[in-house]
Amino acid sequence: MESSDPSFRRRLLIESLTVLAADAEAQVAWLVRHAVMTDEIALDFDHAFRMAWSLVEEGQVDRGVMADLQELDAIISGMSGGDNADRWTRHALSTDEGWALARRLARRVLVEELGEWQQPLPEITVIR
């Protein structure tokens, strides 16, 4: 589902950050409700992050948040790989320092963009 509409792409970024920023308990409930694995949180962010520079160029996202978005991307990338499988459990969302740091960065970006970080978690449609 691609769209050249910048408001659609901005919404994807904000929604991915909203899930990343949520408390671990809310993240787990979101994963259960949508019957998806923990990596869906990172996959959604990765998809949205790929469009971030174009959103900056279009004036849809403040250039000042790009450093935090890039750091967030680096943290999530650093947690990837077979050697880090234990970091992708639902339990790890509340215990892993990488997830805690990602949560803080996502919250900071949301505050910059929206004025507050707490947003309703998005509904998603999973095609199986």
C-alpha atoms as a PDB file:
ATOM      1  CA  MET A   1       0.000   0.000   0.000  1.00  0.00           C
ATOM      2  CA  GLU A   2       2.028   2.940  -1.307  1.00  0.00           C
ATOM      3  CA  SER A   3       0.867   6.482  -1.767  1.00  0.00           C
ATOM      4  CA  SER A   4       2.572   9.607  -2.983  1.00  0.00           C
ATOM      5  CA  ASP A   5       0.269  11.639  -0.727  1.00  0.00           C
ATOM      6  CA  PRO A   6       2.556  13.240   1.892  1.00  0.00           C
ATOM      7  CA  SER A   7      -0.198  13.295   4.522  1.00  0.00           C
ATOM      8  CA  PHE A   8      -0.622   9.526   4.116  1.00  0.00           C
ATOM      9  CA  ARG A   9       3.129   8.971   4.435  1.00  0.00           C
ATOM     10  CA  ARG A  10       3.302  11.280   7.456  1.00  0.00           C
ATOM     11  CA  ARG A  11       0.457   9.325   9.074  1.00  0.00           C
ATOM     12  CA  LEU A  12       2.402   6.078   8.552  1.00  0.00           C
ATOM     13  CA  LEU A  13       5.428   7.592  10.275  1.00  0.00           C
ATOM     14  CA  ILE A  14       3.387   8.981  13.173  1.00  0.00           C
ATOM     15  CA  GLU A  15       1.548   5.679  13.631  1.00  0.00           C
ATOM     16  CA  SER A  16       4.777   3.668  13.638  1.00  0.00           C
ATOM     17  CA  LEU A  17       6.272   6.059  16.192  1.00  0.00           C
ATOM     18  CA  THR A  18       3.108   5.837  18.283  1.00  0.00           C
ATOM     19  CA  VAL A  19       3.488   2.074  18.614  1.00  0.00           C
ATOM     20  CA  LEU A  20       7.215   2.417  19.356  1.00  0.00           C
ATOM     21  CA  ALA A  21       6.516   5.089  21.996  1.00  0.00           C
ATOM     22  CA  ALA A  22       3.806   3.138  23.808  1.00  0.00           C
ATOM     23  CA  ASP A  23       4.446   1.507  27.166  1.00  0.00           C
ATOM     24  CA  ALA A  24       5.503  -2.134  26.876  1.00  0.00           C
ATOM     25  CA  GLU A  25       2.151  -3.372  28.212  1.00  0.00           C
ATOM     26  CA  ALA A  26       0.279  -1.397  25.545  1.00  0.00           C
ATOM     27  CA  GLN A  27       2.646  -2.692  22.864  1.00  0.00           C
ATOM     28  CA  VAL A  28       2.013  -6.294  23.916  1.00  0.00           C
ATOM     29  CA  ALA A  29      -1.748  -5.729  23.936  1.00  0.00           C
ATOM     30  CA  TRP A  30      -1.501  -4.201  20.441  1.00  0.00           C
ATOM     31  CA  LEU A  31       0.504  -7.192  19.176  1.00  0.00           C
ATOM     32  CA  VAL A  32      -2.005  -9.640  20.653  1.00  0.00           C
ATOM     33  CA  ARG A  33      -5.028  -7.719  19.330  1.00  0.00           C
ATOM     34  CA  HIS A  34      -3.632  -7.762  15.804  1.00  0.00           C
ATOM     35  CA  ALA A  35      -2.100 -11.253  16.086  1.00  0.00           C
ATOM     36  CA  VAL A  36       1.330 -10.095  14.905  1.00  0.00           C
ATOM     37  CA  MET A  37       4.862 -10.717  16.121  1.00  0.00           C
ATOM     38  CA  THR A  38       7.066  -8.175  17.896  1.00  0.00           C
ATOM     39  CA  ASP A  39       9.077  -7.522  14.749  1.00  0.00           C
ATOM     40  CA  GLU A  40       5.998  -5.885  13.213  1.00  0.00           C
ATOM     41  CA  ILE A  41       6.754  -2.842  15.371  1.00  0.00           C
ATOM     42  CA  ALA A  42      10.174  -2.508  13.758  1.00  0.00           C
ATOM     43  CA  LEU A  43       8.962  -3.372  10.258  1.00  0.00           C
ATOM     44  CA  ASP A  44       6.327  -0.637  10.380  1.00  0.00           C
ATOM     45  CA  PHE A  45       8.915   1.893  11.516  1.00  0.00           C
ATOM     46  CA  ASP A  46      11.402   0.768   8.854  1.00  0.00           C
ATOM     47  CA  HIS A  47       8.809   1.197   6.125  1.00  0.00           C
ATOM     48  CA  ALA A  48       7.895   4.686   7.348  1.00  0.00           C
ATOM     49  CA  PHE A  49      11.510   5.729   8.003  1.00  0.00           C
ATOM     50  CA  ARG A  50      12.394   5.117   4.351  1.00  0.00           C
ATOM     51  CA  MET A  51      10.078   8.013   3.479  1.00  0.00           C
ATOM     52  CA  ALA A  52      11.242  10.394   6.215  1.00  0.00           C
ATOM     53  CA  TRP A  53      13.680  12.481   4.155  1.00  0.00           C
ATOM     54  CA  SER A  54      11.086  13.085   1.459  1.00  0.00           C
ATOM     55  CA  LEU A  55       8.656  14.179   4.175  1.00  0.00           C
ATOM     56  CA  VAL A  56      11.261  16.636   5.449  1.00  0.00           C
ATOM     57  CA  GLU A  57      11.812  17.976   1.921  1.00  0.00           C
ATOM     58  CA  GLU A  58       8.039  18.408   1.505  1.00  0.00           C
ATOM     59  CA  GLY A  59       7.735  20.245   4.817  1.00  0.00           C
ATOM     60  CA  GLN A  60       5.653  17.474   6.403  1.00  0.00           C
ATOM     61  CA  VAL A  61       8.241  16.576   9.062  1.00  0.00           C
ATOM     62  CA  ASP A  62      10.621  18.910  10.873  1.00  0.00           C
ATOM     63  CA  ARG A  63      14.248  18.472   9.789  1.00  0.00           C
ATOM     64  CA  GLY A  64      15.250  18.647  13.452  1.00  0.00           C
ATOM     65  CA  VAL A  65      13.776  15.211  14.211  1.00  0.00           C
ATOM     66  CA  MET A  66      15.833  13.395  11.585  1.00  0.00           C
ATOM     67  CA  ALA A  67      18.767  12.802  13.947  1.00  0.00           C
ATOM     68  CA  ASP A  68      16.429  11.054  16.394  1.00  0.00           C
ATOM     69  CA  LEU A  69      14.805   9.058  13.587  1.00  0.00           C
ATOM     70  CA  GLN A  70      18.218   7.991  12.299  1.00  0.00           C
ATOM     71  CA  GLU A  71      19.309   6.984  15.800  1.00  0.00           C
ATOM     72  CA  LEU A  72      16.079   5.053  16.233  1.00  0.00           C
ATOM     73  CA  ASP A  73      16.733   3.248  12.963  1.00  0.00           C
ATOM     74  CA  ALA A  74      20.287   2.415  14.076  1.00  0.00           C
ATOM     75  CA  ILE A  75      19.067   1.050  17.416  1.00  0.00           C
ATOM     76  CA  ILE A  76      16.494  -1.193  15.803  1.00  0.00           C
ATOM     77  CA  SER A  77      18.975  -2.347  13.147  1.00  0.00           C
ATOM     78  CA  GLY A  78      21.497  -3.110  15.885  1.00  0.00           C
ATOM     79  CA  MET A  79      18.962  -5.311  17.631  1.00  0.00           C
ATOM     80  CA  SER A  80      18.371  -7.401  14.496  1.00  0.00           C
ATOM     81  CA  GLY A  81      19.891 -10.703  13.515  1.00  0.00           C
ATOM     82  CA  GLY A  82      19.717 -14.265  14.705  1.00  0.00           C
ATOM     83  CA  ASP A  83      22.037 -13.626  17.648  1.00  0.00           C
ATOM     84  CA  ASN A  84      19.487 -11.161  19.041  1.00  0.00           C
ATOM     85  CA  ALA A  85      16.351 -13.308  18.842  1.00  0.00           C
ATOM     86  CA  ASP A  86      15.769 -12.897  22.583  1.00  0.00           C
ATOM     87  CA  ARG A  87      15.360  -9.131  22.054  1.00  0.00           C
ATOM     88  CA  TRP A  88      12.281  -9.738  19.886  1.00  0.00           C
ATOM     89  CA  THR A  89      10.081 -11.478  22.423  1.00  0.00           C
ATOM     90  CA  ARG A  90       7.085  -9.755  23.947  1.00  0.00           C
ATOM     91  CA  HIS A  91       8.789  -9.979  27.326  1.00  0.00           C
ATOM     92  CA  ALA A  92      11.833  -8.108  25.969  1.00  0.00           C
ATOM     93  CA  LEU A  93       9.652  -5.095  25.235  1.00  0.00           C
ATOM     94  CA  SER A  94       9.597  -4.384  28.971  1.00  0.00           C
ATOM     95  CA  THR A  95      13.127  -5.512  29.874  1.00  0.00           C
ATOM     96  CA  ASP A  96      15.472  -4.782  26.968  1.00  0.00           C
ATOM     97  CA  GLU A  97      17.416  -1.498  27.073  1.00  0.00           C
ATOM     98  CA  GLY A  98      17.256  -1.180  23.280  1.00  0.00           C
ATOM     99  CA  TRP A  99      13.469  -1.106  23.392  1.00  0.00           C
ATOM    100  CA  ALA A 100      13.562   1.396  26.256  1.00  0.00           C
ATOM    101  CA  LEU A 101      15.861   3.695  24.278  1.00  0.00           C
ATOM    102  CA  ALA A 102      13.731   3.311  21.146  1.00  0.00           C
ATOM    103  CA  ARG A 103      10.664   4.189  23.223  1.00  0.00           C
ATOM    104  CA  ARG A 104      12.318   7.377  24.550  1.00  0.00           C
ATOM    105  CA  LEU A 105      13.402   8.507  21.079  1.00  0.00           C
ATOM    106  CA  ALA A 106       9.984   7.812  19.558  1.00  0.00           C
ATOM    107  CA  ARG A 107       8.372   9.815  22.345  1.00  0.00           C
ATOM    108  CA  ARG A 108      10.741  12.711  21.763  1.00  0.00           C
ATOM    109  CA  VAL A 109       9.942  12.801  18.033  1.00  0.00           C
ATOM    110  CA  LEU A 110       6.207  12.667  18.699  1.00  0.00           C
ATOM    111  CA  VAL A 111       6.461  15.549  21.161  1.00  0.00           C
ATOM    112  CA  GLU A 112       8.363  17.576  18.547  1.00  0.00           C
ATOM    113  CA  GLU A 113       5.858  16.770  15.819  1.00  0.00           C
ATOM    114  CA  LEU A 114       2.566  16.699  17.740  1.00  0.00           C
ATOM    115  CA  GLY A 115       3.210  18.395  21.065  1.00  0.00           C
ATOM    116  CA  GLU A 116       2.679  15.177  23.039  1.00  0.00           C
ATOM    117  CA  TRP A 117       3.690  11.566  22.672  1.00  0.00           C
ATOM    118  CA  GLN A 118       0.613   9.710  23.870  1.00  0.00           C
ATOM    119  CA  GLN A 119      -1.604   8.888  20.918  1.00  0.00           C
ATOM    120  CA  PRO A 120      -4.180   6.163  20.334  1.00  0.00           C
ATOM    121  CA  LEU A 121      -2.497   3.059  18.974  1.00  0.00           C
ATOM    122  CA  PRO A 122      -3.340   2.582  15.309  1.00  0.00           C
ATOM    123  CA  GLU A 123      -5.519  -0.136  13.937  1.00  0.00           C
ATOM    124  CA  ILE A 124      -3.857  -2.256  11.274  1.00  0.00           C
ATOM    125  CA  THR A 125      -5.092  -4.730   8.729  1.00  0.00           C
ATOM    126  CA  VAL A 126      -3.051  -7.880   8.415  1.00  0.00           C
ATOM    127  CA  ILE A 127      -3.367  -9.709   5.129  1.00  0.00           C
ATOM    128  CA  ARG A 128      -2.694 -13.413   5.462  1.00  0.00           C
END
